[in-house]
Amino acid sequence: MDIQPFTVNVSQSALDDLSDRLSRTRWLSPIADAGWSEGTDIGFLRRLVAYL
């Protein structure tokens, strides 16, 4: 299987909408010492959203 280059086309309006919705996220309080055992680690997810 060869690696093939590709282009992802996403409109700026879609990216702007995503950014807006992420900025309005109401974060849940983390579950003490849950890490990844109860789903996505909330600290990791918040850092990921901040990066975007």
Protein backbone atom coordinates (compact mmCIF):
# COMPACT_ATOMS: atom_id res chain seq x y z
CA MET A 1 0.00 0.00 0.00
CA ASP A 2 1.55 3.28 -1.11
CA ILE A 3 1.12 6.56 0.71
CA GLN A 4 -0.72 8.99 -1.52
CA PRO A 5 -0.76 12.76 -0.97
CA PHE A 6 -4.17 14.36 -0.55
CA THR A 7 -5.67 17.76 0.12
CA VAL A 8 -8.38 18.48 2.65
CA ASN A 9 -10.70 21.28 1.61
CA VAL A 10 -12.63 22.92 4.43
CA SER A 11 -14.25 26.29 3.97
CA GLN A 12 -13.14 29.17 6.16
CA SER A 13 -16.75 29.65 7.29
CA ALA A 14 -16.84 26.05 8.56
CA LEU A 15 -13.59 26.59 10.46
CA ASP A 16 -14.88 29.88 11.89
CA ASP A 17 -18.10 28.18 13.00
CA LEU A 18 -16.17 25.36 14.68
CA SER A 19 -13.90 27.85 16.45
CA ASP A 20 -16.91 29.81 17.67
CA ARG A 21 -18.69 26.71 18.99
CA LEU A 22 -15.55 25.44 20.72
CA SER A 23 -15.02 28.82 22.39
CA ARG A 24 -18.51 28.48 23.93
CA THR A 25 -17.95 24.97 25.31
CA ARG A 26 -19.29 24.41 28.80
CA TRP A 27 -16.67 22.14 30.35
CA LEU A 28 -17.61 19.48 32.86
CA SER A 29 -15.72 19.22 36.11
CA PRO A 30 -13.06 16.52 35.88
CA ILE A 31 -13.60 13.27 37.75
CA ALA A 32 -10.85 12.92 40.35
CA ASP A 33 -8.07 10.55 39.23
CA ALA A 34 -10.16 9.26 36.30
CA GLY A 35 -7.59 10.00 33.59
CA TRP A 36 -8.69 8.11 30.48
CA SER A 37 -10.74 5.47 32.33
CA GLU A 38 -14.00 7.46 31.98
CA GLY A 39 -13.45 8.63 28.40
CA THR A 40 -11.22 11.38 27.09
CA ASP A 41 -9.03 12.98 29.74
CA ILE A 42 -10.57 16.43 30.28
CA GLY A 43 -7.19 18.14 30.71
CA PHE A 44 -5.96 16.72 27.42
CA LEU A 45 -9.17 17.73 25.65
CA ARG A 46 -9.02 21.30 26.98
CA ARG A 47 -5.38 21.65 25.82
CA LEU A 48 -6.34 20.27 22.40
CA VAL A 49 -9.23 22.73 22.01
CA ALA A 50 -6.99 25.62 23.16
CA TYR A 51 -4.46 24.60 20.47
CA LEU A 52 -7.12 24.75 17.77
